[in-house]
Amino acid sequence: MKHFLISALCLALPALASASGIEQLHQFLDGSKTAKASFTQKVISKTGRAGQNASGTMSFLRPGKFRWEYTKPYSQLIVADGSKLWSYDKELNQVVIKPMSQALGATPAALLAGSNDFQKNFTLKEDGASDGLEWVEATPRNNEAGFERVRIGLKANLPQVMEVRDNFGQTTVLLFSSFERNPTLPADAFIFTPPKGADVVGE
């Protein structure tokens, strides 16, 4: 896959007048050039066993630039500058570089920061209301995406929860907080320079 996922969710199928979840997703994507939020993340195995929780912050500049930073329980930074994806593991002092064409699935931030050209690749549908949220489900039209589906729970035109189920039955659940739409972001937010002495892979 050569592009990001989330932008397809509002364009994969014609917008439905009664589709409140899709309408909110339209509002978010159409009205959000930049965004930032805090997040907590948990991974649930196919058997229902929960793994270690993680947390951090994320920001994006659509289309194609994002910054995803884990701060607990480990330190990891993922930056997409529009052409390359940089992943820095501070403990290993290692930087892995990938072209953006391979970034899909590399980080959940890629699901929020894309452009508007995914309508041919995904099927979009309403997934009901629960826990005070309107849910939208997107499934890829081919089996090379690396995941089975994405569910997004929205409230007040903002993503509150994202669930990504991969092809092995594992689900990554992201809970967003302090979500800001169209904030002013630092000019260097999406620029990454490998630290001196870091092992750089893939350049």
Protein backbone atom coordinates (compact mmCIF):
# COMPACT_ATOMS: atom_id res chain seq x y z
CA MET A 1 0.00 0.00 0.00
CA LYS A 2 1.38 3.40 -0.92
CA HIS A 3 -0.74 5.77 1.11
CA PHE A 4 -2.31 6.20 4.53
CA LEU A 5 -5.57 4.69 5.76
CA ILE A 6 -7.57 7.14 7.75
CA SER A 7 -8.22 9.64 4.98
CA ALA A 8 -10.09 6.94 3.08
CA LEU A 9 -12.67 6.53 5.77
CA CYS A 10 -14.67 9.55 4.67
CA LEU A 11 -14.30 8.87 0.95
CA ALA A 12 -14.37 5.11 0.52
CA LEU A 13 -18.16 5.16 0.12
CA PRO A 14 -20.59 7.98 -0.62
CA ALA A 15 -21.43 9.99 2.48
CA LEU A 16 -24.77 9.05 4.03
CA ALA A 17 -27.05 11.76 5.36
CA SER A 18 -28.06 9.67 8.37
CA ALA A 19 -24.56 8.32 9.04
CA SER A 20 -23.63 10.32 12.11
CA GLY A 21 -20.32 8.52 12.62
CA ILE A 22 -19.29 9.11 9.03
CA GLU A 23 -20.48 12.69 9.22
CA GLN A 24 -18.28 13.30 12.24
CA LEU A 25 -15.35 11.72 10.45
CA HIS A 26 -15.98 14.03 7.49
CA GLN A 27 -15.95 17.01 9.82
CA PHE A 28 -12.72 15.92 11.45
CA LEU A 29 -10.82 15.19 8.22
CA ASP A 30 -12.14 18.13 6.26
CA GLY A 31 -11.50 20.59 9.08
CA SER A 32 -8.19 19.34 10.46
CA LYS A 33 -4.95 20.41 8.88
CA THR A 34 -3.02 19.88 12.10
CA ALA A 35 -3.79 18.16 15.39
CA LYS A 36 -2.17 17.01 18.58
CA ALA A 37 -3.24 14.76 21.44
CA SER A 38 -2.09 12.56 24.27
CA PHE A 39 -2.75 8.85 24.05
CA THR A 40 -2.70 5.62 25.99
CA GLN A 41 -2.27 2.34 24.19
CA LYS A 42 -2.96 -1.26 25.06
CA VAL A 43 -2.59 -4.39 23.00
CA ILE A 44 -5.03 -7.27 23.41
CA SER A 45 -4.06 -10.71 22.14
CA LYS A 46 -6.32 -13.01 20.15
CA THR A 47 -7.13 -14.85 23.39
CA GLY A 48 -8.17 -11.62 25.10
CA ARG A 49 -5.03 -11.24 27.21
CA ALA A 50 -4.00 -7.60 27.67
CA GLY A 51 -0.37 -6.67 27.22
CA GLN A 52 1.66 -3.83 28.67
CA ASN A 53 0.14 -0.36 28.49
CA ALA A 54 2.02 2.48 26.83
CA SER A 55 1.42 6.22 26.62
CA GLY A 56 2.72 9.30 24.94
CA THR A 57 1.84 12.15 22.60
CA MET A 58 1.16 12.53 18.92
CA SER A 59 0.77 15.34 16.39
CA PHE A 60 0.25 15.53 12.66
CA LEU A 61 0.26 17.86 9.70
CA ARG A 62 -1.90 16.53 6.89
CA PRO A 63 -1.10 15.13 4.50
CA GLY A 64 1.69 12.77 5.40
CA LYS A 65 3.58 14.32 8.31
CA PHE A 66 3.29 13.11 11.88
CA ARG A 67 5.15 12.72 15.14
CA TRP A 68 4.35 9.82 17.46
CA GLU A 69 6.27 9.69 20.74
CA TYR A 70 6.08 6.99 23.39
CA THR A 71 7.19 8.18 26.81
CA LYS A 72 6.06 5.32 29.08
CA PRO A 73 7.08 2.60 29.84
CA TYR A 74 9.80 3.05 27.21
CA SER A 75 11.08 5.87 25.01
CA GLN A 76 10.49 5.64 21.27
CA LEU A 77 10.03 8.34 18.65
CA ILE A 78 8.46 7.93 15.21
CA VAL A 79 8.57 10.84 12.78
CA ALA A 80 7.21 11.02 9.24
CA ASP A 81 8.48 13.97 7.20
CA GLY A 82 6.35 13.33 4.12
CA SER A 83 8.88 11.19 2.30
CA LYS A 84 10.57 9.09 4.98
CA LEU A 85 9.52 7.43 8.22
CA TRP A 86 12.09 7.63 11.02
CA SER A 87 11.82 5.31 14.04
CA TYR A 88 14.21 5.98 16.91
CA ASP A 89 14.67 3.57 19.81
CA LYS A 90 16.52 5.51 22.48
CA GLU A 91 17.48 2.46 24.56
CA LEU A 92 19.05 0.69 21.58
CA ASN A 93 20.32 3.98 20.12
CA GLN A 94 19.05 2.76 16.77
CA VAL A 95 17.26 4.58 13.96
CA VAL A 96 15.27 2.68 11.33
CA ILE A 97 14.37 4.53 8.13
CA LYS A 98 11.62 3.47 5.73
CA PRO A 99 10.13 5.18 2.70
CA MET A 100 6.63 6.50 3.31
CA SER A 101 5.29 3.98 0.80
CA GLN A 102 6.06 1.30 3.42
CA ALA A 103 4.76 3.25 6.41
CA LEU A 104 1.21 1.91 6.40
CA GLY A 105 0.74 -0.09 9.58
CA ALA A 106 4.06 1.03 11.01
CA THR A 107 2.32 3.30 13.48
CA PRO A 108 -1.27 4.17 14.33
CA ALA A 109 -0.42 7.80 13.60
CA ALA A 110 -0.42 6.87 9.92
CA LEU A 111 -4.15 6.23 10.27
CA LEU A 112 -4.78 9.90 11.09
CA ALA A 113 -2.40 11.84 8.92
CA GLY A 114 -3.10 10.78 5.34
CA SER A 115 -4.28 12.43 2.18
CA ASN A 116 -7.63 11.95 0.45
CA ASP A 117 -7.03 9.20 -2.11
CA PHE A 118 -8.02 5.94 -0.41
CA GLN A 119 -11.60 5.63 -1.63
CA LYS A 120 -10.79 2.71 -3.93
CA ASN A 121 -9.01 0.67 -1.28
CA PHE A 122 -11.39 0.48 1.67
CA THR A 123 -14.99 -0.30 2.51
CA LEU A 124 -16.56 2.03 5.03
CA LYS A 125 -19.63 1.44 7.17
CA GLU A 126 -21.38 2.68 10.27
CA ASP A 127 -20.72 0.52 13.31
CA GLY A 128 -23.37 1.80 15.69
CA ALA A 129 -23.27 3.81 18.89
CA SER A 130 -21.86 2.68 22.24
CA ASP A 131 -20.20 4.24 25.28
CA GLY A 132 -21.37 7.65 24.13
CA LEU A 133 -19.47 7.37 20.84
CA GLU A 134 -20.44 6.96 17.21
CA TRP A 135 -18.38 4.23 15.57
CA VAL A 136 -17.11 3.83 12.02
CA GLU A 137 -15.50 0.67 10.66
CA ALA A 138 -13.11 0.49 7.69
CA THR A 139 -11.89 -2.73 6.11
CA PRO A 140 -9.20 -2.92 3.41
CA ARG A 141 -10.27 -4.26 0.02
CA ASN A 142 -7.11 -6.35 -0.32
CA ASN A 143 -5.28 -8.59 2.12
CA GLU A 144 -1.90 -6.84 1.96
CA ALA A 145 -2.72 -4.03 4.37
CA GLY A 146 -1.44 -5.86 7.46
CA PHE A 147 -4.70 -5.49 9.38
CA GLU A 148 -8.27 -6.75 9.16
CA ARG A 149 -10.13 -3.63 10.18
CA VAL A 150 -10.02 -0.29 11.93
CA ARG A 151 -12.79 0.99 14.22
CA ILE A 152 -12.92 4.64 15.22
CA GLY A 153 -15.15 6.01 17.98
CA LEU A 154 -15.98 9.70 17.58
CA LYS A 155 -17.57 12.38 19.71
CA ALA A 156 -17.92 16.08 18.92
CA ASN A 157 -16.24 15.48 15.54
CA LEU A 158 -13.04 14.19 17.16
CA PRO A 159 -11.59 10.66 17.39
CA GLN A 160 -11.78 9.43 20.96
CA VAL A 161 -10.88 5.76 20.50
CA MET A 162 -9.21 3.79 17.73
CA GLU A 163 -9.10 0.00 17.52
CA VAL A 164 -6.79 -1.67 15.00
CA ARG A 165 -7.21 -5.41 14.55
CA ASP A 166 -4.30 -7.05 12.74
CA ASN A 167 -4.26 -10.18 10.62
CA PHE A 168 -3.21 -12.32 13.60
CA GLY A 169 -6.25 -11.42 15.69
CA GLN A 170 -4.37 -8.94 17.89
CA THR A 171 -6.08 -5.64 18.65
CA THR A 172 -4.35 -2.36 19.46
CA VAL A 173 -6.61 0.04 21.36
CA LEU A 174 -5.75 3.75 21.45
CA LEU A 175 -7.50 6.18 23.79
CA PHE A 176 -7.00 9.85 22.94
CA SER A 177 -7.20 12.76 25.37
CA SER A 178 -6.56 16.52 25.22
CA PHE A 179 -7.22 16.38 21.49
CA GLU A 180 -6.61 19.75 19.82
CA ARG A 181 -7.59 20.44 16.24
CA ASN A 182 -5.54 22.90 14.14
CA PRO A 183 -3.04 23.97 16.80
CA THR A 184 0.13 25.81 15.83
CA LEU A 185 2.93 23.25 15.82
CA PRO A 186 6.69 23.83 16.06
CA ALA A 187 8.37 24.22 12.68
CA ASP A 188 10.76 21.35 13.43
CA ALA A 189 8.11 18.95 14.75
CA PHE A 190 8.38 16.73 11.68
CA ILE A 191 12.12 16.94 11.12
CA PHE A 192 14.36 14.22 12.52
CA THR A 193 18.14 14.08 12.63
CA PRO A 194 19.69 10.84 13.94
CA PRO A 195 21.61 11.40 17.18
CA LYS A 196 25.37 11.28 16.91
CA GLY A 197 26.61 7.71 17.22
CA ALA A 198 23.23 6.10 16.56
CA ASP A 199 23.08 2.94 14.46
CA VAL A 200 21.14 3.93 11.32
CA VAL A 201 19.40 1.15 9.39
CA GLY A 202 17.79 1.46 5.99
CA GLU A 203 19.17 4.81 4.84
